[in-house]
Amino acid sequence: MGIHIMPPLFELVIKPRPPLPLTYYPETGVADANGPRRIFVSETWADIHDTASGVSLWGNPYVIVQADDSTNKWRELGRGIICFNSAGRPSDIQSAKVRLYVSSRTNQFATATSMGLYLSTPTDPASIAIGDYNKAGSVLASGTHLALSAGAYDVPLGWVEFPLNAAGLAAIVDGVSKFGIRLAWDTTNSPPAWVSLKIGAVYCSGIGGGANKPQLVVNY
C-alpha cells in the first residue's frame, strides 16, 4: 500500500478592505458657506465681539479682526460658517477631515494667532444669515489649527486639512453637517494689542469656488 500525502491546507484569510473616501460639498439651497461679519467704526472689543446686530455677510467663509483708527477701538470681526450636504452618509465612518482652500492669510499685528474649526449652529444651514454671527461655534471639531504668524502679509496657502476629532465626527449627520471657523483672538475673547487699522485675516474659497470649494472627506 502506497503512502498517500495530503495536500497542504491553507487558511483562508479575508483581509478587510481599505477605507473608501467619500467627499461632500456645500450646495446652493441646501448647505451654505458664508462669513457673517460685524463692521462698525470705533467700537469697543466687547461690542464687536458680542453684539449680533449690524452684521453683514462677506460672501465666502473667512475670519478677520481689524483695528479701528481710534485708539483701542475695533472696526471689523468676521467668522465663517461652512455647511456640507452629507445626506445619505455611511453609518460606518472611520475618519474624516474638512479641507479648506486658503487663498490668502494676513497678520499685520505683532502677535501670532491661529484659525480653528468648530461646530456651528446656524438657524438655517441652507442660507447663512446675519443672525448667525454668534453661531460659528465654540466647541472644537478638530485638534488642528492653522497658524497665523505675526507679520505675515497676503500669504497664499492652498489646501488646509482639519482632521476631525470625536466631536467633529459626531457632527457628520445624514443631512447637513455644520462647521465654523474662528480666530483664536475671537474664541478666547483676547484681542491683539491695538495698532491703527491693522488686520489679521484668513480668506477661504466658498460655495462658488469651483474645484476649490470646501470639502468634507469621510473614510468609511
N, C-alpha and C. Protein backbone atom coordinates (compact mmCIF):
# COMPACT_ATOMS: atom_id res chain seq x y z
N MET A 1 0.85 -1.18 0.00
CA MET A 1 0.00 0.00 0.00
C MET A 1 0.89 1.23 0.00
N GLY A 2 0.64 2.12 -0.95
CA GLY A 2 1.44 3.32 -1.05
C GLY A 2 1.11 4.34 0.03
N ILE A 3 2.01 5.31 0.13
CA ILE A 3 1.81 6.39 1.10
C ILE A 3 1.05 7.52 0.43
N HIS A 4 -0.05 7.90 1.05
CA HIS A 4 -0.86 9.00 0.50
C HIS A 4 -0.49 10.30 1.21
N ILE A 5 -0.03 11.27 0.45
CA ILE A 5 0.36 12.55 1.03
C ILE A 5 -0.77 13.55 0.83
N MET A 6 -1.24 14.08 1.95
CA MET A 6 -2.32 15.07 1.87
C MET A 6 -1.78 16.41 1.37
N PRO A 7 -2.52 17.09 0.53
CA PRO A 7 -2.08 18.43 0.08
C PRO A 7 -2.11 19.39 1.27
N PRO A 8 -1.27 20.40 1.25
CA PRO A 8 -1.25 21.36 2.36
C PRO A 8 -2.59 22.08 2.48
N LEU A 9 -2.92 22.36 3.71
CA LEU A 9 -4.15 23.10 3.99
C LEU A 9 -3.79 24.58 4.16
N PHE A 10 -4.49 25.40 3.48
CA PHE A 10 -4.24 26.84 3.57
C PHE A 10 -5.40 27.50 4.30
N GLU A 11 -5.04 28.33 5.24
CA GLU A 11 -6.07 29.07 5.97
C GLU A 11 -6.58 30.19 5.08
N LEU A 12 -7.88 30.25 4.98
CA LEU A 12 -8.48 31.30 4.17
C LEU A 12 -8.52 32.59 4.99
N VAL A 13 -7.81 33.58 4.52
CA VAL A 13 -7.75 34.86 5.22
C VAL A 13 -8.44 35.91 4.37
N ILE A 14 -9.46 36.52 4.93
CA ILE A 14 -10.17 37.59 4.23
C ILE A 14 -9.70 38.91 4.82
N LYS A 15 -8.97 39.64 4.03
CA LYS A 15 -8.46 40.91 4.51
C LYS A 15 -9.55 41.98 4.42
N PRO A 16 -9.65 42.81 5.44
CA PRO A 16 -10.63 43.89 5.36
C PRO A 16 -10.24 44.86 4.26
N ARG A 17 -11.22 45.39 3.58
CA ARG A 17 -10.93 46.35 2.52
C ARG A 17 -10.41 47.65 3.14
N PRO A 18 -9.57 48.36 2.43
CA PRO A 18 -9.12 49.65 2.94
C PRO A 18 -10.28 50.64 2.97
N PRO A 19 -10.21 51.63 3.84
CA PRO A 19 -11.30 52.63 3.90
C PRO A 19 -11.49 53.31 2.56
N LEU A 20 -12.73 53.59 2.23
CA LEU A 20 -13.06 54.27 0.99
C LEU A 20 -13.37 55.73 1.27
N PRO A 21 -12.85 56.66 0.46
CA PRO A 21 -13.15 58.08 0.68
C PRO A 21 -14.45 58.49 -0.01
N LEU A 22 -15.12 59.42 0.59
CA LEU A 22 -16.35 59.98 0.04
C LEU A 22 -16.33 61.46 0.37
N THR A 23 -16.57 62.32 -0.62
CA THR A 23 -16.44 63.76 -0.42
C THR A 23 -17.78 64.46 -0.55
N TYR A 24 -18.05 65.35 0.40
CA TYR A 24 -19.27 66.17 0.40
C TYR A 24 -18.88 67.63 0.26
N TYR A 25 -19.83 68.44 -0.26
CA TYR A 25 -19.58 69.85 -0.52
C TYR A 25 -20.75 70.71 -0.03
N PRO A 26 -20.50 72.02 0.13
CA PRO A 26 -21.65 72.92 0.25
C PRO A 26 -22.49 72.85 -1.03
N GLU A 27 -23.75 73.18 -0.93
CA GLU A 27 -24.63 73.10 -2.09
C GLU A 27 -25.67 74.20 -2.00
N THR A 28 -25.78 74.98 -3.06
CA THR A 28 -26.72 76.09 -3.08
C THR A 28 -28.14 75.62 -2.77
N GLY A 29 -28.78 76.28 -1.83
CA GLY A 29 -30.15 75.96 -1.46
C GLY A 29 -30.27 74.81 -0.48
N VAL A 30 -29.15 74.18 -0.15
CA VAL A 30 -29.17 73.03 0.78
C VAL A 30 -28.20 73.25 1.94
N ALA A 31 -26.96 73.53 1.61
CA ALA A 31 -25.89 73.68 2.61
C ALA A 31 -25.02 74.87 2.21
N ASP A 32 -25.12 75.95 2.95
CA ASP A 32 -24.47 77.21 2.59
C ASP A 32 -23.07 77.31 3.22
N ALA A 33 -22.28 78.24 2.71
CA ALA A 33 -20.98 78.57 3.30
C ALA A 33 -20.79 80.08 3.15
N ASN A 34 -20.61 80.77 4.27
CA ASN A 34 -20.56 82.22 4.21
C ASN A 34 -19.79 82.76 5.41
N GLY A 35 -19.67 84.09 5.46
CA GLY A 35 -18.89 84.72 6.52
C GLY A 35 -19.62 85.88 7.17
N PRO A 36 -20.41 85.63 8.23
CA PRO A 36 -21.03 86.75 8.96
C PRO A 36 -19.95 87.63 9.59
N ARG A 37 -20.09 88.94 9.44
CA ARG A 37 -19.10 89.86 9.99
C ARG A 37 -19.78 91.11 10.53
N ARG A 38 -19.24 91.64 11.59
CA ARG A 38 -19.74 92.89 12.15
C ARG A 38 -18.75 93.98 11.81
N ILE A 39 -19.21 95.01 11.11
CA ILE A 39 -18.37 96.15 10.73
C ILE A 39 -18.98 97.42 11.30
N PHE A 40 -18.28 98.01 12.24
CA PHE A 40 -18.70 99.28 12.81
C PHE A 40 -17.47 100.12 13.08
N VAL A 41 -17.56 101.38 12.83
CA VAL A 41 -16.43 102.27 13.10
C VAL A 41 -16.36 102.56 14.59
N SER A 42 -15.17 102.40 15.14
CA SER A 42 -14.87 102.82 16.51
C SER A 42 -15.74 102.11 17.55
N GLU A 43 -15.62 100.79 17.61
CA GLU A 43 -16.35 100.01 18.61
C GLU A 43 -15.39 99.45 19.66
N THR A 44 -15.90 99.25 20.85
CA THR A 44 -15.11 98.53 21.84
C THR A 44 -15.02 97.06 21.42
N TRP A 45 -14.02 96.36 21.96
CA TRP A 45 -13.89 94.94 21.66
C TRP A 45 -15.13 94.18 22.13
N ALA A 46 -15.64 94.50 23.31
CA ALA A 46 -16.82 93.80 23.83
C ALA A 46 -18.00 93.93 22.89
N ASP A 47 -18.20 95.12 22.32
CA ASP A 47 -19.34 95.32 21.42
C ASP A 47 -19.17 94.55 20.12
N ILE A 48 -18.01 94.65 19.51
CA ILE A 48 -17.82 93.99 18.22
C ILE A 48 -17.76 92.47 18.38
N HIS A 49 -17.37 92.01 19.55
CA HIS A 49 -17.27 90.57 19.81
C HIS A 49 -18.62 89.94 20.10
N ASP A 50 -19.48 90.64 20.80
CA ASP A 50 -20.70 90.01 21.34
C ASP A 50 -22.00 90.46 20.70
N THR A 51 -22.03 91.58 20.02
CA THR A 51 -23.29 92.12 19.51
C THR A 51 -23.60 91.55 18.13
N ALA A 52 -24.75 90.91 18.01
CA ALA A 52 -25.10 90.24 16.75
C ALA A 52 -25.84 91.15 15.78
N SER A 53 -26.25 92.33 16.22
CA SER A 53 -26.91 93.25 15.30
C SER A 53 -25.88 93.98 14.46
N GLY A 54 -26.35 94.55 13.34
CA GLY A 54 -25.44 95.30 12.48
C GLY A 54 -24.45 94.45 11.73
N VAL A 55 -24.79 93.19 11.51
CA VAL A 55 -23.88 92.25 10.85
C VAL A 55 -24.20 92.19 9.36
N SER A 56 -23.18 91.98 8.54
CA SER A 56 -23.37 91.76 7.11
C SER A 56 -22.69 90.44 6.74
N LEU A 57 -22.83 90.04 5.48
CA LEU A 57 -22.24 88.79 5.00
C LEU A 57 -21.13 89.09 4.01
N TRP A 58 -19.98 88.42 4.17
CA TRP A 58 -18.86 88.62 3.28
C TRP A 58 -19.09 87.95 1.93
N GLY A 59 -19.73 86.78 1.94
CA GLY A 59 -19.96 86.04 0.71
C GLY A 59 -19.20 84.73 0.65
N ASN A 60 -18.06 84.67 1.31
CA ASN A 60 -17.27 83.45 1.44
C ASN A 60 -16.89 83.26 2.90
N PRO A 61 -16.63 82.03 3.33
CA PRO A 61 -16.17 81.84 4.70
C PRO A 61 -14.79 82.47 4.90
N TYR A 62 -14.66 83.27 5.93
CA TYR A 62 -13.39 83.90 6.24
C TYR A 62 -13.41 84.31 7.69
N VAL A 63 -12.24 84.64 8.22
CA VAL A 63 -12.14 85.14 9.59
C VAL A 63 -11.27 86.39 9.56
N ILE A 64 -11.63 87.38 10.38
CA ILE A 64 -10.88 88.63 10.36
C ILE A 64 -11.03 89.37 11.68
N VAL A 65 -9.97 90.06 12.07
CA VAL A 65 -10.00 91.07 13.11
C VAL A 65 -9.32 92.30 12.54
N GLN A 66 -10.02 93.44 12.58
CA GLN A 66 -9.42 94.68 12.09
C GLN A 66 -9.55 95.77 13.14
N ALA A 67 -8.45 96.45 13.39
CA ALA A 67 -8.45 97.57 14.33
C ALA A 67 -9.00 98.83 13.67
N ASP A 68 -9.59 99.70 14.48
CA ASP A 68 -10.06 101.00 14.01
C ASP A 68 -8.90 102.00 14.10
N ASP A 69 -9.11 103.21 13.57
CA ASP A 69 -8.07 104.23 13.70
C ASP A 69 -8.22 105.05 14.97
N SER A 70 -9.25 104.76 15.78
CA SER A 70 -9.39 105.35 17.10
C SER A 70 -8.73 104.42 18.12
N THR A 71 -7.97 104.97 19.03
CA THR A 71 -7.18 104.17 19.95
C THR A 71 -8.02 103.14 20.71
N ASN A 72 -7.56 101.88 20.68
CA ASN A 72 -8.19 100.77 21.38
C ASN A 72 -9.64 100.52 20.96
N LYS A 73 -9.96 100.88 19.73
CA LYS A 73 -11.28 100.59 19.17
C LYS A 73 -11.10 99.67 17.95
N TRP A 74 -12.20 99.05 17.55
CA TRP A 74 -12.14 98.00 16.54
C TRP A 74 -13.17 98.24 15.45
N ARG A 75 -12.86 97.78 14.24
CA ARG A 75 -13.69 98.09 13.08
C ARG A 75 -14.39 96.86 12.50
N GLU A 76 -13.77 95.68 12.58
CA GLU A 76 -14.39 94.50 11.95
C GLU A 76 -13.97 93.23 12.67
N LEU A 77 -14.94 92.32 12.81
CA LEU A 77 -14.68 90.97 13.29
C LEU A 77 -15.53 90.02 12.47
N GLY A 78 -14.89 89.04 11.84
CA GLY A 78 -15.61 88.11 10.98
C GLY A 78 -15.41 86.66 11.38
N ARG A 79 -16.45 85.87 11.18
CA ARG A 79 -16.43 84.44 11.47
C ARG A 79 -17.00 83.69 10.26
N GLY A 80 -16.57 82.45 10.07
CA GLY A 80 -17.06 81.68 8.93
C GLY A 80 -17.94 80.53 9.36
N ILE A 81 -18.96 80.25 8.58
CA ILE A 81 -19.83 79.09 8.78
C ILE A 81 -19.86 78.29 7.48
N ILE A 82 -19.58 77.00 7.59
CA ILE A 82 -19.45 76.14 6.41
C ILE A 82 -20.29 74.90 6.62
N CYS A 83 -21.26 74.68 5.75
CA CYS A 83 -22.16 73.53 5.85
C CYS A 83 -21.96 72.62 4.63
N PHE A 84 -22.18 71.33 4.85
CA PHE A 84 -21.99 70.34 3.79
C PHE A 84 -23.25 69.49 3.65
N ASN A 85 -23.61 69.21 2.42
CA ASN A 85 -24.74 68.31 2.16
C ASN A 85 -24.23 66.88 2.27
N SER A 86 -24.41 66.29 3.45
CA SER A 86 -23.93 64.93 3.70
C SER A 86 -25.08 63.93 3.78
N ALA A 87 -26.17 64.23 3.07
CA ALA A 87 -27.31 63.32 3.05
C ALA A 87 -26.89 61.96 2.52
N GLY A 88 -27.34 60.90 3.20
CA GLY A 88 -27.01 59.55 2.80
C GLY A 88 -25.62 59.11 3.23
N ARG A 89 -25.03 59.83 4.15
CA ARG A 89 -23.68 59.50 4.58
C ARG A 89 -23.64 58.08 5.17
N PRO A 90 -22.52 57.36 4.99
CA PRO A 90 -22.43 55.99 5.50
C PRO A 90 -22.48 55.97 7.03
N SER A 91 -22.93 54.85 7.57
CA SER A 91 -23.05 54.73 9.02
C SER A 91 -21.75 54.27 9.67
N ASP A 92 -20.80 53.80 8.87
CA ASP A 92 -19.55 53.25 9.43
C ASP A 92 -18.35 54.14 9.11
N ILE A 93 -18.47 55.43 9.39
CA ILE A 93 -17.38 56.36 9.15
C ILE A 93 -16.24 56.08 10.12
N GLN A 94 -15.04 55.93 9.59
CA GLN A 94 -13.86 55.65 10.41
C GLN A 94 -13.06 56.91 10.74
N SER A 95 -12.99 57.81 9.79
CA SER A 95 -12.28 59.07 9.99
C SER A 95 -12.82 60.08 8.98
N ALA A 96 -12.51 61.33 9.22
CA ALA A 96 -12.97 62.37 8.31
C ALA A 96 -12.14 63.63 8.50
N LYS A 97 -12.21 64.50 7.51
CA LYS A 97 -11.49 65.78 7.60
C LYS A 97 -12.24 66.82 6.80
N VAL A 98 -12.10 68.06 7.22
CA VAL A 98 -12.59 69.20 6.46
C VAL A 98 -11.40 69.83 5.76
N ARG A 99 -11.54 70.06 4.46
CA ARG A 99 -10.48 70.69 3.67
C ARG A 99 -10.95 72.06 3.20
N LEU A 100 -10.14 73.07 3.46
CA LEU A 100 -10.45 74.44 3.07
C LEU A 100 -9.34 74.97 2.19
N TYR A 101 -9.73 75.67 1.13
CA TYR A 101 -8.73 76.28 0.25
C TYR A 101 -8.50 77.72 0.71
N VAL A 102 -7.31 77.97 1.22
CA VAL A 102 -6.97 79.30 1.74
C VAL A 102 -6.29 80.10 0.63
N SER A 103 -6.99 81.13 0.17
CA SER A 103 -6.44 81.95 -0.91
C SER A 103 -5.48 83.01 -0.40
N SER A 104 -5.64 83.39 0.88
CA SER A 104 -4.76 84.41 1.44
C SER A 104 -4.85 84.40 2.96
N ARG A 105 -3.76 84.70 3.63
CA ARG A 105 -3.78 84.92 5.08
C ARG A 105 -2.85 86.07 5.40
N THR A 106 -3.29 86.91 6.30
CA THR A 106 -2.57 88.13 6.62
C THR A 106 -2.63 88.35 8.13
N ASN A 107 -1.50 88.75 8.71
CA ASN A 107 -1.48 89.16 10.12
C ASN A 107 -0.53 90.33 10.27
N GLN A 108 -1.08 91.53 10.36
CA GLN A 108 -0.29 92.73 10.47
C GLN A 108 -0.03 93.12 11.93
N PHE A 109 -0.57 92.34 12.85
CA PHE A 109 -0.35 92.61 14.27
C PHE A 109 0.98 92.01 14.72
N ALA A 110 1.40 92.39 15.93
CA ALA A 110 2.70 91.94 16.45
C ALA A 110 2.62 90.60 17.15
N THR A 111 1.43 90.05 17.32
CA THR A 111 1.27 88.77 18.00
C THR A 111 0.65 87.75 17.05
N ALA A 112 1.11 86.51 17.18
CA ALA A 112 0.58 85.43 16.34
C ALA A 112 -0.78 84.98 16.85
N THR A 113 -1.53 84.32 15.98
CA THR A 113 -2.79 83.71 16.37
C THR A 113 -2.98 82.46 15.51
N SER A 114 -4.16 81.91 15.51
CA SER A 114 -4.44 80.73 14.68
C SER A 114 -5.93 80.68 14.37
N MET A 115 -6.28 79.89 13.36
CA MET A 115 -7.67 79.67 13.00
C MET A 115 -8.04 78.22 13.31
N GLY A 116 -9.16 78.03 14.00
CA GLY A 116 -9.62 76.69 14.34
C GLY A 116 -10.94 76.36 13.69
N LEU A 117 -11.25 75.06 13.68
CA LEU A 117 -12.51 74.55 13.13
C LEU A 117 -13.43 74.18 14.28
N TYR A 118 -14.68 74.63 14.22
CA TYR A 118 -15.62 74.48 15.33
C TYR A 118 -16.94 73.88 14.84
N LEU A 119 -17.81 73.56 15.80
CA LEU A 119 -19.16 73.08 15.50
C LEU A 119 -20.10 74.27 15.49
N SER A 120 -20.66 74.60 14.33
CA SER A 120 -21.55 75.75 14.22
C SER A 120 -23.01 75.33 14.35
N THR A 121 -23.86 76.32 14.61
CA THR A 121 -25.29 76.06 14.80
C THR A 121 -26.14 77.12 14.09
N PRO A 122 -25.99 77.27 12.78
CA PRO A 122 -26.79 78.29 12.08
C PRO A 122 -28.28 77.95 12.14
N THR A 123 -29.10 78.98 12.16
CA THR A 123 -30.55 78.77 12.24
C THR A 123 -31.06 77.99 11.03
N ASP A 124 -30.62 78.37 9.85
CA ASP A 124 -30.99 77.68 8.62
C ASP A 124 -29.71 77.40 7.83
N PRO A 125 -29.20 76.18 7.88
CA PRO A 125 -27.93 75.89 7.20
C PRO A 125 -27.99 76.04 5.68
N ALA A 126 -29.20 76.12 5.14
CA ALA A 126 -29.32 76.31 3.69
C ALA A 126 -29.06 77.75 3.29
N SER A 127 -29.13 78.67 4.27
CA SER A 127 -28.95 80.08 3.96
C SER A 127 -28.39 80.79 5.19
N ILE A 128 -27.07 80.93 5.24
CA ILE A 128 -26.43 81.61 6.37
C ILE A 128 -26.91 83.06 6.40
N ALA A 129 -27.28 83.54 7.59
CA ALA A 129 -27.85 84.88 7.73
C ALA A 129 -27.04 85.69 8.73
N ILE A 130 -27.31 86.99 8.76
CA ILE A 130 -26.57 87.87 9.67
C ILE A 130 -26.82 87.50 11.13
N GLY A 131 -27.96 86.89 11.42
CA GLY A 131 -28.26 86.46 12.77
C GLY A 131 -27.42 85.29 13.24
N ASP A 132 -26.65 84.70 12.34
CA ASP A 132 -25.79 83.57 12.71
C ASP A 132 -24.40 84.01 13.17
N TYR A 133 -24.20 85.29 13.33
CA TYR A 133 -22.89 85.83 13.70
C TYR A 133 -22.34 85.16 14.96
N ASN A 134 -23.19 84.95 15.95
CA ASN A 134 -22.75 84.33 17.21
C ASN A 134 -22.96 82.82 17.23
N LYS A 135 -23.10 82.21 16.03
CA LYS A 135 -23.36 80.77 15.96
C LYS A 135 -22.27 80.01 15.20
N ALA A 136 -21.09 80.62 15.09
CA ALA A 136 -19.99 79.94 14.39
C ALA A 136 -19.35 78.87 15.25
N GLY A 137 -19.70 78.82 16.54
CA GLY A 137 -19.29 77.71 17.39
C GLY A 137 -18.16 78.02 18.34
N SER A 138 -18.12 77.25 19.44
CA SER A 138 -17.05 77.36 20.42
C SER A 138 -16.46 76.00 20.79
N VAL A 139 -17.08 74.90 20.30
CA VAL A 139 -16.57 73.55 20.54
C VAL A 139 -15.70 73.14 19.36
N LEU A 140 -14.47 72.78 19.63
CA LEU A 140 -13.54 72.41 18.56
C LEU A 140 -13.97 71.13 17.86
N ALA A 141 -13.94 71.15 16.53
CA ALA A 141 -14.22 69.97 15.73
C ALA A 141 -12.94 69.28 15.27
N SER A 142 -11.80 69.91 15.52
CA SER A 142 -10.51 69.36 15.11
C SER A 142 -9.43 69.86 16.06
N GLY A 143 -8.42 69.03 16.28
CA GLY A 143 -7.29 69.45 17.08
C GLY A 143 -6.25 70.23 16.29
N THR A 144 -6.46 70.36 14.99
CA THR A 144 -5.54 71.09 14.12
C THR A 144 -5.94 72.55 14.01
N HIS A 145 -4.95 73.43 14.10
CA HIS A 145 -5.17 74.86 13.91
C HIS A 145 -4.25 75.37 12.80
N LEU A 146 -4.74 76.34 12.05
CA LEU A 146 -3.92 76.99 11.03
C LEU A 146 -3.22 78.18 11.67
N ALA A 147 -1.90 78.13 11.72
CA ALA A 147 -1.12 79.20 12.35
C ALA A 147 -1.15 80.47 11.49
N LEU A 148 -1.21 81.59 12.17
CA LEU A 148 -1.17 82.90 11.51
C LEU A 148 -0.05 83.69 12.19
N SER A 149 1.13 83.62 11.61
CA SER A 149 2.31 84.21 12.22
C SER A 149 2.24 85.73 12.22
N ALA A 150 2.87 86.33 13.21
CA ALA A 150 2.94 87.78 13.27
C ALA A 150 3.71 88.31 12.07
N GLY A 151 3.20 89.36 11.46
CA GLY A 151 3.89 89.99 10.35
C GLY A 151 3.66 89.36 9.00
N ALA A 152 2.86 88.29 8.94
CA ALA A 152 2.56 87.67 7.64
C ALA A 152 1.71 88.62 6.81
N TYR A 153 1.97 88.68 5.51
CA TYR A 153 1.20 89.60 4.68
C TYR A 153 0.83 88.95 3.36
N ASP A 154 -0.47 88.78 3.15
CA ASP A 154 -1.01 88.28 1.89
C ASP A 154 -0.30 87.01 1.43
N VAL A 155 -0.27 86.02 2.33
CA VAL A 155 0.41 84.77 2.03
C VAL A 155 -0.59 83.74 1.51
N PRO A 156 -0.52 83.36 0.23
CA PRO A 156 -1.39 82.28 -0.27
C PRO A 156 -0.95 80.95 0.31
N LEU A 157 -1.88 80.04 0.47
CA LEU A 157 -1.53 78.78 1.14
C LEU A 157 -2.00 77.55 0.38
N GLY A 158 -3.19 77.60 -0.24
CA GLY A 158 -3.74 76.41 -0.88
C GLY A 158 -4.58 75.61 0.10
N TRP A 159 -4.60 74.28 -0.09
CA TRP A 159 -5.47 73.42 0.71
C TRP A 159 -4.92 73.24 2.12
N VAL A 160 -5.82 73.38 3.10
CA VAL A 160 -5.50 73.13 4.50
C VAL A 160 -6.48 72.08 5.02
N GLU A 161 -5.97 71.06 5.72
CA GLU A 161 -6.81 69.96 6.18
C GLU A 161 -6.97 70.00 7.70
N PHE A 162 -8.20 69.77 8.14
CA PHE A 162 -8.53 69.70 9.56
C PHE A 162 -9.11 68.31 9.87
N PRO A 163 -8.27 67.35 10.31
CA PRO A 163 -8.80 66.04 10.69
C PRO A 163 -9.79 66.20 11.85
N LEU A 164 -10.92 65.54 11.76
CA LEU A 164 -11.97 65.73 12.76
C LEU A 164 -11.70 64.90 14.01
N ASN A 165 -11.97 65.50 15.16
CA ASN A 165 -11.92 64.79 16.43
C ASN A 165 -13.26 64.09 16.67
N ALA A 166 -13.46 63.54 17.86
CA ALA A 166 -14.69 62.80 18.15
C ALA A 166 -15.92 63.69 18.00
N ALA A 167 -15.82 64.93 18.47
CA ALA A 167 -16.96 65.85 18.35
C ALA A 167 -17.24 66.17 16.89
N GLY A 168 -16.19 66.35 16.11
CA GLY A 168 -16.38 66.62 14.69
C GLY A 168 -16.99 65.45 13.94
N LEU A 169 -16.55 64.24 14.26
CA LEU A 169 -17.13 63.06 13.62
C LEU A 169 -18.60 62.91 13.97
N ALA A 170 -18.94 63.20 15.23
CA ALA A 170 -20.34 63.09 15.65
C ALA A 170 -21.23 64.12 14.96
N ALA A 171 -20.62 65.19 14.45
CA ALA A 171 -21.39 66.24 13.78
C ALA A 171 -21.72 65.90 12.33
N ILE A 172 -21.15 64.81 11.80
CA ILE A 172 -21.47 64.40 10.43
C ILE A 172 -22.78 63.64 10.46
N VAL A 173 -23.81 64.25 9.93
CA VAL A 173 -25.16 63.69 10.03
C VAL A 173 -25.68 63.33 8.64
N ASP A 174 -26.75 62.55 8.65
CA ASP A 174 -27.46 62.21 7.41
C ASP A 174 -28.38 63.38 7.08
N GLY A 175 -27.79 64.40 6.48
CA GLY A 175 -28.49 65.65 6.21
C GLY A 175 -27.48 66.74 5.93
N VAL A 176 -27.45 67.77 6.76
CA VAL A 176 -26.49 68.86 6.60
C VAL A 176 -25.56 68.89 7.80
N SER A 177 -24.27 68.76 7.56
CA SER A 177 -23.25 68.82 8.61
C SER A 177 -22.71 70.24 8.69
N LYS A 178 -22.59 70.77 9.91
CA LYS A 178 -22.34 72.21 10.10
C LYS A 178 -21.05 72.45 10.88
N PHE A 179 -20.19 73.29 10.31
CA PHE A 179 -18.93 73.63 10.94
C PHE A 179 -18.71 75.14 10.87
N GLY A 180 -17.74 75.64 11.64
CA GLY A 180 -17.42 77.06 11.62
C GLY A 180 -15.93 77.26 11.77
N ILE A 181 -15.46 78.46 11.40
CA ILE A 181 -14.06 78.82 11.58
C ILE A 181 -13.99 80.14 12.34
N ARG A 182 -13.02 80.22 13.26
CA ARG A 182 -12.82 81.44 14.05
C ARG A 182 -11.34 81.59 14.37
N LEU A 183 -10.93 82.82 14.58
CA LEU A 183 -9.58 83.10 15.05
C LEU A 183 -9.51 82.90 16.57
N ALA A 184 -8.33 82.53 17.05
CA ALA A 184 -8.15 82.32 18.49
C ALA A 184 -8.35 83.61 19.27
N TRP A 185 -7.99 84.76 18.70
CA TRP A 185 -8.28 86.03 19.36
C TRP A 185 -9.77 86.14 19.69
N ASP A 186 -10.58 85.64 18.77
CA ASP A 186 -12.04 85.70 18.91
C ASP A 186 -12.54 84.68 19.94
N THR A 187 -12.13 83.43 19.81
CA THR A 187 -12.67 82.40 20.70
C THR A 187 -12.21 82.56 22.14
N THR A 188 -11.03 83.12 22.33
CA THR A 188 -10.54 83.34 23.70
C THR A 188 -10.93 84.71 24.23
N ASN A 189 -11.58 85.51 23.37
CA ASN A 189 -12.02 86.86 23.76
C ASN A 189 -10.83 87.70 24.23
N SER A 190 -9.71 87.55 23.49
CA SER A 190 -8.47 88.24 23.84
C SER A 190 -7.89 88.89 22.59
N PRO A 191 -8.23 90.14 22.31
CA PRO A 191 -7.77 90.77 21.07
C PRO A 191 -6.27 91.01 21.10
N PRO A 192 -5.67 91.17 19.92
CA PRO A 192 -4.25 91.54 19.88
C PRO A 192 -4.07 92.97 20.37
N ALA A 193 -2.85 93.33 20.68
CA ALA A 193 -2.57 94.71 21.06
C ALA A 193 -2.95 95.63 19.89
N TRP A 194 -3.74 96.66 20.21
CA TRP A 194 -4.29 97.54 19.17
C TRP A 194 -3.18 98.28 18.42
N VAL A 195 -3.29 98.27 17.08
CA VAL A 195 -2.46 99.11 16.22
C VAL A 195 -3.39 99.63 15.13
N SER A 196 -3.37 100.90 14.89
CA SER A 196 -4.33 101.54 14.00
C SER A 196 -4.45 100.85 12.64
N LEU A 197 -5.70 100.43 12.34
CA LEU A 197 -6.09 99.88 11.03
C LEU A 197 -5.39 98.59 10.62
N LYS A 198 -4.73 97.94 11.55
CA LYS A 198 -4.08 96.66 11.20
C LYS A 198 -5.12 95.54 11.12
N ILE A 199 -4.75 94.49 10.39
CA ILE A 199 -5.68 93.39 10.08
C ILE A 199 -5.00 92.05 10.35
N GLY A 200 -5.78 91.10 10.85
CA GLY A 200 -5.40 89.70 10.87
C GLY A 200 -6.55 88.91 10.24
N ALA A 201 -6.28 88.15 9.19
CA ALA A 201 -7.39 87.52 8.46
C ALA A 201 -6.94 86.27 7.72
N VAL A 202 -7.90 85.37 7.50
CA VAL A 202 -7.72 84.20 6.64
C VAL A 202 -8.91 84.15 5.70
N TYR A 203 -8.66 84.11 4.40
CA TYR A 203 -9.71 84.11 3.39
C TYR A 203 -9.77 82.73 2.73
N CYS A 204 -10.97 82.13 2.73
CA CYS A 204 -11.16 80.79 2.16
C CYS A 204 -12.14 80.85 0.99
N SER A 205 -11.98 79.92 0.05
CA SER A 205 -12.93 79.80 -1.05
C SER A 205 -14.25 79.28 -0.52
N GLY A 206 -15.35 79.70 -1.14
CA GLY A 206 -16.68 79.33 -0.68
C GLY A 206 -17.43 78.46 -1.65
N ILE A 207 -18.75 78.58 -1.60
CA ILE A 207 -19.63 77.69 -2.36
C ILE A 207 -19.46 77.88 -3.86
N GLY A 208 -19.01 79.06 -4.27
CA GLY A 208 -18.79 79.32 -5.69
C GLY A 208 -17.35 79.13 -6.11
N GLY A 209 -16.58 78.41 -5.30
CA GLY A 209 -15.15 78.27 -5.55
C GLY A 209 -14.76 77.21 -6.55
N GLY A 210 -15.74 76.59 -7.21
CA GLY A 210 -15.42 75.57 -8.21
C GLY A 210 -14.67 74.41 -7.59
N ALA A 211 -13.52 74.07 -8.18
CA ALA A 211 -12.72 72.96 -7.68
C ALA A 211 -12.12 73.25 -6.31
N ASN A 212 -12.17 74.51 -5.88
CA ASN A 212 -11.58 74.89 -4.60
C ASN A 212 -12.62 75.13 -3.50
N LYS A 213 -13.86 74.75 -3.73
CA LYS A 213 -14.85 74.96 -2.68
C LYS A 213 -14.62 73.98 -1.53
N PRO A 214 -15.11 74.29 -0.33
CA PRO A 214 -14.83 73.45 0.84
C PRO A 214 -15.23 72.00 0.64
N GLN A 215 -14.48 71.11 1.30
CA GLN A 215 -14.72 69.67 1.18
C GLN A 215 -14.82 69.04 2.57
N LEU A 216 -15.76 68.14 2.71
CA LEU A 216 -15.84 67.24 3.86
C LEU A 216 -15.55 65.84 3.33
N VAL A 217 -14.39 65.30 3.68
CA VAL A 217 -13.96 64.00 3.17
C VAL A 217 -14.07 62.98 4.27
N VAL A 218 -14.89 61.94 4.06
CA VAL A 218 -15.05 60.88 5.05
C VAL A 218 -14.46 59.58 4.52
N ASN A 219 -13.90 58.79 5.41
CA ASN A 219 -13.41 57.46 5.08
C ASN A 219 -14.27 56.44 5.84
N TYR A 220 -14.79 55.47 5.11
CA TYR A 220 -15.72 54.52 5.72
C TYR A 220 -15.39 53.10 5.29
